[in-house]
Amino acid sequence: MKQRGMSLIQLSFTLLIVALTAQFASPVYNTLIEQQRRLGMAEQLAGSLRNARSEALVRHQYVIVQAQEQDWSRGWKTILDLSGQGHLDPDNPVLAERQGSFQVPIAGNTPVKSYVRFNPLGEPLLIGGAFQAGTLHVCQAQTALSHYQVVLAKSGRISLRRNQAAQDLCA
């Protein structure tokens, strides 16, 4: 009679190979997942800023992208600034809201620390009227490394850069 299937030794050896492969592949897979999260958040943030600028141009109104609880990592909301008081006026309509990922730290330098405000011409301006330009860094968790930078130019242009560099704001 011909035997079908695997012996116990063959099955044990196969399971050993699968376990070793999974053990070595897991850290690489986790690194890949974290990298994709950072890229996704950087693209979402840049897209939200571009949409806010477009809304300001189309509506001929001030539009603000405000970090949730003064922290870009928690997410952000896009507000149509009808009253001129920005996020301080609860009657200003929220155009869009995005929840952040606590696993992906995002930090902005001083001009863009908690908000970006576009005037009706699509130019970024601080509430005091000065031009607003700055960089939002999408950081690696628990390190001082910036992997992606969302750069806001004086003209209102938003660019997404992929430069890995040490950044004190990420710490």
N, C-alpha and C. Protein backbone atom coordinates (compact mmCIF):
# COMPACT_ATOMS: atom_id res chain seq x y z
N MET A 1 0.83 -1.17 0.00
CA MET A 1 0.00 0.00 0.00
C MET A 1 0.88 1.25 0.00
N LYS A 2 0.52 2.23 -0.83
CA LYS A 2 1.30 3.44 -0.94
C LYS A 2 0.85 4.46 0.10
N GLN A 3 1.80 5.08 0.78
CA GLN A 3 1.50 6.05 1.84
C GLN A 3 1.30 7.43 1.23
N ARG A 4 0.27 8.16 1.71
CA ARG A 4 0.02 9.53 1.27
C ARG A 4 0.18 10.46 2.45
N GLY A 5 0.61 11.70 2.17
CA GLY A 5 0.76 12.68 3.24
C GLY A 5 2.21 12.79 3.67
N MET A 6 2.35 13.44 4.83
CA MET A 6 3.69 13.72 5.34
C MET A 6 3.91 12.98 6.65
N SER A 7 5.14 12.68 6.89
CA SER A 7 5.47 12.07 8.17
C SER A 7 5.57 13.17 9.23
N LEU A 8 5.60 12.79 10.47
CA LEU A 8 5.72 13.75 11.56
C LEU A 8 7.03 14.52 11.49
N ILE A 9 8.11 13.87 11.10
CA ILE A 9 9.41 14.53 10.98
C ILE A 9 9.37 15.57 9.87
N GLN A 10 8.77 15.25 8.74
CA GLN A 10 8.67 16.20 7.63
C GLN A 10 7.82 17.41 8.04
N LEU A 11 6.73 17.15 8.72
CA LEU A 11 5.86 18.23 9.17
C LEU A 11 6.58 19.14 10.17
N SER A 12 7.32 18.56 11.11
CA SER A 12 8.06 19.34 12.11
C SER A 12 9.13 20.20 11.43
N PHE A 13 9.83 19.63 10.46
CA PHE A 13 10.86 20.38 9.75
C PHE A 13 10.25 21.54 8.96
N THR A 14 9.11 21.33 8.33
CA THR A 14 8.42 22.39 7.59
C THR A 14 7.99 23.51 8.52
N LEU A 15 7.42 23.16 9.68
CA LEU A 15 7.00 24.17 10.65
C LEU A 15 8.20 24.95 11.20
N LEU A 16 9.33 24.29 11.38
CA LEU A 16 10.54 24.97 11.84
C LEU A 16 11.00 26.01 10.82
N ILE A 17 10.97 25.66 9.56
CA ILE A 17 11.37 26.60 8.50
C ILE A 17 10.42 27.79 8.44
N VAL A 18 9.13 27.54 8.56
CA VAL A 18 8.14 28.62 8.55
C VAL A 18 8.34 29.55 9.75
N ALA A 19 8.59 28.99 10.92
CA ALA A 19 8.80 29.79 12.13
C ALA A 19 10.06 30.65 12.02
N LEU A 20 11.15 30.10 11.50
CA LEU A 20 12.38 30.87 11.33
C LEU A 20 12.20 32.00 10.31
N THR A 21 11.51 31.70 9.23
CA THR A 21 11.27 32.72 8.20
C THR A 21 10.41 33.85 8.77
N ALA A 22 9.39 33.51 9.52
CA ALA A 22 8.52 34.52 10.12
C ALA A 22 9.27 35.37 11.14
N GLN A 23 10.17 34.76 11.88
CA GLN A 23 10.94 35.49 12.88
C GLN A 23 11.84 36.53 12.23
N PHE A 24 12.45 36.21 11.12
CA PHE A 24 13.33 37.15 10.44
C PHE A 24 12.55 38.18 9.61
N ALA A 25 11.39 37.81 9.12
CA ALA A 25 10.61 38.72 8.27
C ALA A 25 9.82 39.74 9.09
N SER A 26 9.49 39.44 10.32
CA SER A 26 8.64 40.31 11.13
C SER A 26 9.22 41.71 11.35
N PRO A 27 10.49 41.88 11.75
CA PRO A 27 11.00 43.25 11.92
C PRO A 27 11.02 44.04 10.62
N VAL A 28 11.33 43.39 9.52
CA VAL A 28 11.33 44.07 8.22
C VAL A 28 9.91 44.49 7.86
N TYR A 29 8.95 43.63 8.12
CA TYR A 29 7.56 43.94 7.84
C TYR A 29 7.08 45.11 8.70
N ASN A 30 7.43 45.12 9.97
CA ASN A 30 7.03 46.22 10.86
C ASN A 30 7.64 47.54 10.42
N THR A 31 8.89 47.53 9.98
CA THR A 31 9.54 48.73 9.47
C THR A 31 8.84 49.23 8.22
N LEU A 32 8.46 48.33 7.36
CA LEU A 32 7.74 48.69 6.13
C LEU A 32 6.38 49.32 6.45
N ILE A 33 5.68 48.75 7.41
CA ILE A 33 4.36 49.28 7.81
C ILE A 33 4.51 50.69 8.38
N GLU A 34 5.51 50.90 9.25
CA GLU A 34 5.73 52.22 9.84
C GLU A 34 6.09 53.25 8.76
N GLN A 35 6.90 52.83 7.80
CA GLN A 35 7.27 53.73 6.71
C GLN A 35 6.04 54.11 5.87
N GLN A 36 5.17 53.17 5.62
CA GLN A 36 3.95 53.46 4.85
C GLN A 36 3.01 54.38 5.62
N ARG A 37 2.94 54.23 6.93
CA ARG A 37 2.11 55.13 7.75
C ARG A 37 2.63 56.57 7.66
N ARG A 38 3.96 56.72 7.77
CA ARG A 38 4.55 58.07 7.67
C ARG A 38 4.26 58.69 6.31
N LEU A 39 4.44 57.91 5.25
CA LEU A 39 4.19 58.43 3.91
C LEU A 39 2.73 58.80 3.73
N GLY A 40 1.84 57.95 4.22
CA GLY A 40 0.41 58.23 4.12
C GLY A 40 0.01 59.50 4.85
N MET A 41 0.53 59.70 6.05
CA MET A 41 0.20 60.91 6.81
C MET A 41 0.77 62.15 6.12
N ALA A 42 1.97 62.05 5.59
CA ALA A 42 2.58 63.19 4.89
C ALA A 42 1.76 63.56 3.65
N GLU A 43 1.32 62.57 2.90
CA GLU A 43 0.51 62.84 1.71
C GLU A 43 -0.86 63.41 2.08
N GLN A 44 -1.46 62.90 3.14
CA GLN A 44 -2.76 63.42 3.59
C GLN A 44 -2.64 64.87 4.05
N LEU A 45 -1.59 65.19 4.79
CA LEU A 45 -1.40 66.55 5.27
C LEU A 45 -1.16 67.51 4.11
N ALA A 46 -0.30 67.13 3.19
CA ALA A 46 -0.04 67.98 2.02
C ALA A 46 -1.31 68.15 1.20
N GLY A 47 -2.08 67.08 1.04
CA GLY A 47 -3.34 67.16 0.30
C GLY A 47 -4.35 68.06 0.98
N SER A 48 -4.44 67.99 2.29
CA SER A 48 -5.37 68.85 3.03
C SER A 48 -4.98 70.32 2.89
N LEU A 49 -3.69 70.62 2.95
CA LEU A 49 -3.25 72.00 2.78
C LEU A 49 -3.53 72.50 1.36
N ARG A 50 -3.31 71.65 0.38
CA ARG A 50 -3.61 72.05 -1.01
C ARG A 50 -5.11 72.29 -1.20
N ASN A 51 -5.93 71.41 -0.61
CA ASN A 51 -7.39 71.59 -0.71
C ASN A 51 -7.84 72.87 -0.02
N ALA A 52 -7.24 73.18 1.12
CA ALA A 52 -7.60 74.41 1.84
C ALA A 52 -7.24 75.63 1.01
N ARG A 53 -6.10 75.61 0.38
CA ARG A 53 -5.71 76.73 -0.48
C ARG A 53 -6.69 76.88 -1.64
N SER A 54 -7.07 75.76 -2.24
CA SER A 54 -8.04 75.81 -3.34
C SER A 54 -9.38 76.36 -2.88
N GLU A 55 -9.81 75.94 -1.69
CA GLU A 55 -11.09 76.45 -1.15
C GLU A 55 -11.02 77.95 -0.92
N ALA A 56 -9.90 78.44 -0.43
CA ALA A 56 -9.74 79.88 -0.21
C ALA A 56 -9.84 80.63 -1.54
N LEU A 57 -9.23 80.10 -2.56
CA LEU A 57 -9.29 80.75 -3.88
C LEU A 57 -10.70 80.72 -4.47
N VAL A 58 -11.35 79.57 -4.38
CA VAL A 58 -12.68 79.41 -4.98
C VAL A 58 -13.74 80.21 -4.23
N ARG A 59 -13.68 80.19 -2.92
CA ARG A 59 -14.71 80.85 -2.10
C ARG A 59 -14.41 82.33 -1.85
N HIS A 60 -13.20 82.78 -2.14
CA HIS A 60 -12.77 84.15 -1.84
C HIS A 60 -12.95 84.46 -0.36
N GLN A 61 -12.53 83.49 0.48
CA GLN A 61 -12.62 83.60 1.93
C GLN A 61 -11.32 83.09 2.54
N TYR A 62 -11.09 83.45 3.79
CA TYR A 62 -9.97 82.90 4.53
C TYR A 62 -10.31 81.47 4.92
N VAL A 63 -9.34 80.57 4.76
CA VAL A 63 -9.50 79.16 5.14
C VAL A 63 -8.31 78.79 6.01
N ILE A 64 -8.60 78.12 7.11
CA ILE A 64 -7.57 77.74 8.08
C ILE A 64 -7.51 76.22 8.21
N VAL A 65 -6.30 75.70 8.24
CA VAL A 65 -6.08 74.30 8.60
C VAL A 65 -5.49 74.33 10.00
N GLN A 66 -6.25 73.83 10.96
CA GLN A 66 -5.91 73.91 12.38
C GLN A 66 -5.55 72.53 12.93
N ALA A 67 -4.42 72.43 13.61
CA ALA A 67 -4.03 71.16 14.25
C ALA A 67 -4.98 70.88 15.41
N GLN A 68 -5.37 69.62 15.57
CA GLN A 68 -6.23 69.22 16.68
C GLN A 68 -5.45 69.35 17.98
N GLU A 69 -5.99 70.08 18.92
CA GLU A 69 -5.39 70.26 20.25
C GLU A 69 -3.93 70.71 20.15
N GLN A 70 -3.63 71.59 19.19
CA GLN A 70 -2.31 72.15 18.98
C GLN A 70 -1.25 71.10 18.63
N ASP A 71 -1.68 69.93 18.13
CA ASP A 71 -0.77 68.84 17.81
C ASP A 71 -1.18 68.23 16.47
N TRP A 72 -0.34 68.39 15.46
CA TRP A 72 -0.64 67.86 14.12
C TRP A 72 -0.77 66.34 14.14
N SER A 73 -0.10 65.66 15.07
CA SER A 73 -0.16 64.20 15.14
C SER A 73 -1.57 63.71 15.47
N ARG A 74 -2.36 64.52 16.15
CA ARG A 74 -3.72 64.14 16.53
C ARG A 74 -4.72 64.33 15.39
N GLY A 75 -4.28 65.05 14.36
CA GLY A 75 -5.14 65.30 13.22
C GLY A 75 -5.31 66.79 13.00
N TRP A 76 -6.19 67.16 12.09
CA TRP A 76 -6.40 68.56 11.76
C TRP A 76 -7.78 68.74 11.16
N LYS A 77 -8.23 69.99 11.18
CA LYS A 77 -9.50 70.30 10.55
C LYS A 77 -9.36 71.56 9.71
N THR A 78 -10.11 71.59 8.63
CA THR A 78 -10.12 72.72 7.72
C THR A 78 -11.36 73.55 8.01
N ILE A 79 -11.15 74.83 8.30
CA ILE A 79 -12.23 75.71 8.75
C ILE A 79 -12.36 76.88 7.78
N LEU A 80 -13.59 77.21 7.42
CA LEU A 80 -13.87 78.41 6.65
C LEU A 80 -13.99 79.55 7.65
N ASP A 81 -13.10 80.52 7.55
CA ASP A 81 -13.01 81.60 8.55
C ASP A 81 -13.91 82.76 8.13
N LEU A 82 -15.18 82.68 8.48
CA LEU A 82 -16.14 83.74 8.11
C LEU A 82 -16.02 84.96 9.01
N SER A 83 -15.72 84.74 10.29
CA SER A 83 -15.72 85.82 11.26
C SER A 83 -14.37 86.52 11.40
N GLY A 84 -13.31 85.89 10.90
CA GLY A 84 -11.98 86.45 11.07
C GLY A 84 -11.32 86.04 12.37
N GLN A 85 -12.00 85.23 13.16
CA GLN A 85 -11.44 84.76 14.44
C GLN A 85 -10.90 83.34 14.35
N GLY A 86 -10.98 82.74 13.18
CA GLY A 86 -10.42 81.41 12.97
C GLY A 86 -11.07 80.33 13.81
N HIS A 87 -10.23 79.50 14.39
CA HIS A 87 -10.72 78.37 15.17
C HIS A 87 -11.34 78.80 16.50
N LEU A 88 -11.14 80.05 16.90
CA LEU A 88 -11.70 80.52 18.17
C LEU A 88 -13.21 80.75 18.08
N ASP A 89 -13.73 80.88 16.86
CA ASP A 89 -15.16 81.09 16.67
C ASP A 89 -15.82 79.74 16.36
N PRO A 90 -16.64 79.21 17.28
CA PRO A 90 -17.26 77.91 17.04
C PRO A 90 -18.31 77.93 15.93
N ASP A 91 -18.74 79.12 15.50
CA ASP A 91 -19.73 79.21 14.43
C ASP A 91 -19.12 79.10 13.04
N ASN A 92 -17.80 79.19 12.93
CA ASN A 92 -17.16 79.00 11.63
C ASN A 92 -17.34 77.56 11.18
N PRO A 93 -17.78 77.35 9.93
CA PRO A 93 -18.03 75.98 9.48
C PRO A 93 -16.74 75.19 9.26
N VAL A 94 -16.81 73.92 9.62
CA VAL A 94 -15.70 72.99 9.39
C VAL A 94 -15.92 72.35 8.02
N LEU A 95 -14.96 72.52 7.14
CA LEU A 95 -15.07 71.97 5.78
C LEU A 95 -14.63 70.51 5.73
N ALA A 96 -13.61 70.18 6.48
CA ALA A 96 -13.09 68.81 6.49
C ALA A 96 -12.36 68.57 7.81
N GLU A 97 -12.33 67.32 8.19
CA GLU A 97 -11.63 66.96 9.43
C GLU A 97 -10.92 65.64 9.20
N ARG A 98 -9.70 65.56 9.68
CA ARG A 98 -8.89 64.35 9.49
C ARG A 98 -8.33 63.94 10.84
N GLN A 99 -8.52 62.67 11.20
CA GLN A 99 -7.96 62.15 12.43
C GLN A 99 -6.53 61.72 12.17
N GLY A 100 -5.66 62.01 13.12
CA GLY A 100 -4.25 61.65 12.98
C GLY A 100 -3.98 60.26 13.52
N SER A 101 -2.77 59.85 13.36
CA SER A 101 -2.31 58.58 13.89
C SER A 101 -1.30 58.89 14.99
N PHE A 102 -1.60 58.46 16.19
CA PHE A 102 -0.70 58.75 17.30
C PHE A 102 0.65 58.06 17.12
N GLN A 103 0.71 57.11 16.19
CA GLN A 103 1.96 56.39 15.94
C GLN A 103 2.90 57.18 15.04
N VAL A 104 2.39 58.24 14.40
CA VAL A 104 3.20 59.05 13.48
C VAL A 104 3.28 60.47 14.02
N PRO A 105 4.40 60.85 14.62
CA PRO A 105 4.54 62.22 15.13
C PRO A 105 4.72 63.21 13.98
N ILE A 106 4.02 64.35 14.09
CA ILE A 106 4.15 65.44 13.13
C ILE A 106 4.40 66.71 13.92
N ALA A 107 5.44 67.44 13.56
CA ALA A 107 5.80 68.67 14.28
C ALA A 107 6.09 69.76 13.27
N GLY A 108 5.62 70.95 13.57
CA GLY A 108 5.86 72.10 12.70
C GLY A 108 6.76 73.11 13.37
N ASN A 109 7.53 73.83 12.55
CA ASN A 109 8.34 74.90 13.12
C ASN A 109 7.42 76.07 13.50
N THR A 110 7.95 77.11 14.09
CA THR A 110 7.16 78.16 14.74
C THR A 110 6.03 78.74 13.87
N PRO A 111 6.26 79.12 12.61
CA PRO A 111 5.16 79.73 11.84
C PRO A 111 3.98 78.78 11.58
N VAL A 112 4.22 77.50 11.55
CA VAL A 112 3.15 76.54 11.25
C VAL A 112 2.96 75.55 12.40
N LYS A 113 3.27 75.98 13.60
CA LYS A 113 3.21 75.09 14.77
C LYS A 113 1.82 74.53 15.01
N SER A 114 0.78 75.36 14.84
CA SER A 114 -0.56 74.87 15.14
C SER A 114 -1.60 75.18 14.07
N TYR A 115 -1.29 76.03 13.10
CA TYR A 115 -2.27 76.31 12.05
C TYR A 115 -1.59 76.86 10.80
N VAL A 116 -2.33 76.76 9.69
CA VAL A 116 -1.96 77.40 8.43
C VAL A 116 -3.20 78.13 7.95
N ARG A 117 -3.04 79.41 7.58
CA ARG A 117 -4.18 80.25 7.20
C ARG A 117 -3.95 80.81 5.80
N PHE A 118 -4.88 80.53 4.89
CA PHE A 118 -4.80 81.02 3.52
C PHE A 118 -5.77 82.17 3.33
N ASN A 119 -5.30 83.25 2.67
CA ASN A 119 -6.18 84.38 2.37
C ASN A 119 -6.94 84.09 1.07
N PRO A 120 -7.86 84.95 0.66
CA PRO A 120 -8.64 84.70 -0.56
C PRO A 120 -7.80 84.60 -1.84
N LEU A 121 -6.56 85.02 -1.81
CA LEU A 121 -5.67 84.89 -2.97
C LEU A 121 -4.82 83.62 -2.91
N GLY A 122 -5.03 82.80 -1.87
CA GLY A 122 -4.28 81.56 -1.72
C GLY A 122 -2.92 81.72 -1.10
N GLU A 123 -2.66 82.88 -0.53
CA GLU A 123 -1.37 83.13 0.13
C GLU A 123 -1.49 82.79 1.61
N PRO A 124 -0.48 82.16 2.17
CA PRO A 124 -0.52 81.86 3.61
C PRO A 124 -0.14 83.09 4.42
N LEU A 125 -1.01 83.47 5.35
CA LEU A 125 -0.77 84.64 6.20
C LEU A 125 -1.03 84.28 7.64
N LEU A 126 -0.19 84.81 8.53
CA LEU A 126 -0.45 84.69 9.96
C LEU A 126 -1.64 85.57 10.32
N ILE A 127 -2.22 85.36 11.47
CA ILE A 127 -3.38 86.16 11.88
C ILE A 127 -3.01 87.64 11.98
N GLY A 128 -1.77 87.96 12.33
CA GLY A 128 -1.31 89.35 12.40
C GLY A 128 -1.12 89.99 11.03
N GLY A 129 -1.15 89.21 9.95
CA GLY A 129 -1.02 89.74 8.61
C GLY A 129 0.32 89.47 7.94
N ALA A 130 1.31 89.01 8.69
CA ALA A 130 2.62 88.69 8.11
C ALA A 130 2.53 87.41 7.28
N PHE A 131 3.42 87.27 6.29
CA PHE A 131 3.38 86.05 5.50
C PHE A 131 3.76 84.85 6.36
N GLN A 132 3.23 83.71 5.98
CA GLN A 132 3.44 82.49 6.74
C GLN A 132 4.11 81.46 5.84
N ALA A 133 5.25 81.00 6.24
CA ALA A 133 5.96 79.94 5.54
C ALA A 133 6.62 79.06 6.59
N GLY A 134 6.68 77.79 6.34
CA GLY A 134 7.28 76.91 7.33
C GLY A 134 7.30 75.47 6.86
N THR A 135 7.72 74.61 7.75
CA THR A 135 7.86 73.19 7.42
C THR A 135 7.21 72.35 8.51
N LEU A 136 6.42 71.38 8.08
CA LEU A 136 5.84 70.38 8.97
C LEU A 136 6.63 69.09 8.75
N HIS A 137 7.21 68.56 9.82
CA HIS A 137 8.05 67.37 9.74
C HIS A 137 7.25 66.14 10.15
N VAL A 138 7.25 65.12 9.30
CA VAL A 138 6.65 63.83 9.63
C VAL A 138 7.80 62.96 10.10
N CYS A 139 7.74 62.61 11.38
CA CYS A 139 8.90 62.02 12.07
C CYS A 139 8.75 60.51 12.27
N GLN A 140 9.88 59.90 12.54
CA GLN A 140 9.89 58.51 12.95
C GLN A 140 9.59 58.47 14.44
N ALA A 141 8.75 57.54 14.84
CA ALA A 141 8.36 57.45 16.25
C ALA A 141 9.58 57.20 17.14
N GLN A 142 9.66 57.93 18.23
CA GLN A 142 10.65 57.78 19.29
C GLN A 142 12.08 58.09 18.85
N THR A 143 12.24 58.84 17.78
CA THR A 143 13.58 59.28 17.37
C THR A 143 13.49 60.73 16.93
N ALA A 144 14.62 61.33 16.70
CA ALA A 144 14.67 62.72 16.25
C ALA A 144 14.96 62.78 14.75
N LEU A 145 14.30 61.90 13.99
CA LEU A 145 14.51 61.84 12.55
C LEU A 145 13.25 62.27 11.80
N SER A 146 13.41 63.19 10.89
CA SER A 146 12.33 63.62 10.02
C SER A 146 12.49 62.90 8.69
N HIS A 147 11.45 62.16 8.28
CA HIS A 147 11.52 61.41 7.03
C HIS A 147 10.86 62.16 5.87
N TYR A 148 9.79 62.88 6.18
CA TYR A 148 9.06 63.63 5.16
C TYR A 148 8.84 65.05 5.67
N GLN A 149 8.89 66.01 4.76
CA GLN A 149 8.67 67.40 5.12
C GLN A 149 7.59 67.98 4.20
N VAL A 150 6.56 68.55 4.80
CA VAL A 150 5.55 69.27 4.06
C VAL A 150 5.94 70.74 4.17
N VAL A 151 6.36 71.32 3.05
CA VAL A 151 6.93 72.67 3.05
C VAL A 151 5.91 73.65 2.47
N LEU A 152 5.64 74.70 3.23
CA LEU A 152 4.75 75.77 2.83
C LEU A 152 5.59 76.98 2.44
N ALA A 153 5.53 77.35 1.16
CA ALA A 153 6.30 78.50 0.67
C ALA A 153 5.51 79.78 0.87
N LYS A 154 6.20 80.89 0.78
CA LYS A 154 5.59 82.22 0.94
C LYS A 154 4.48 82.44 -0.08
N SER A 155 4.64 81.87 -1.27
CA SER A 155 3.65 82.04 -2.34
C SER A 155 2.39 81.20 -2.11
N GLY A 156 2.45 80.23 -1.20
CA GLY A 156 1.33 79.35 -0.96
C GLY A 156 1.54 77.95 -1.53
N ARG A 157 2.61 77.78 -2.24
CA ARG A 157 2.91 76.46 -2.82
C ARG A 157 3.22 75.47 -1.71
N ILE A 158 2.64 74.28 -1.83
CA ILE A 158 2.87 73.23 -0.84
C ILE A 158 3.63 72.11 -1.54
N SER A 159 4.77 71.74 -0.99
CA SER A 159 5.54 70.64 -1.57
C SER A 159 5.81 69.58 -0.51
N LEU A 160 5.91 68.36 -0.97
CA LEU A 160 6.22 67.23 -0.10
C LEU A 160 7.62 66.75 -0.45
N ARG A 161 8.52 66.84 0.52
CA ARG A 161 9.90 66.42 0.31
C ARG A 161 10.17 65.14 1.08
N ARG A 162 11.05 64.34 0.52
CA ARG A 162 11.39 63.06 1.14
C ARG A 162 12.87 63.05 1.50
N ASN A 163 13.22 63.81 2.50
CA ASN A 163 14.61 63.88 2.96
C ASN A 163 14.69 63.36 4.39
N GLN A 164 15.50 62.36 4.60
CA GLN A 164 15.69 61.84 5.95
C GLN A 164 16.80 62.65 6.62
N ALA A 165 16.45 63.33 7.69
CA ALA A 165 17.44 64.19 8.36
C ALA A 165 17.10 64.29 9.85
N ALA A 166 18.11 64.53 10.64
CA ALA A 166 17.90 64.75 12.07
C ALA A 166 17.15 66.07 12.25
N GLN A 167 16.18 66.08 13.17
CA GLN A 167 15.36 67.27 13.39
C GLN A 167 15.00 67.33 14.87
N ASP A 168 15.38 68.44 15.51
CA ASP A 168 15.13 68.60 16.94
C ASP A 168 13.63 68.63 17.26
N LEU A 169 12.81 69.11 16.34
CA LEU A 169 11.36 69.16 16.58
C LEU A 169 10.75 67.77 16.72
N CYS A 170 11.41 66.77 16.18
CA CYS A 170 10.89 65.40 16.23
C CYS A 170 11.13 64.73 17.58
N ALA A 171 12.07 65.24 18.35
CA ALA A 171 12.41 64.58 19.62
C ALA A 171 11.31 64.74 20.64
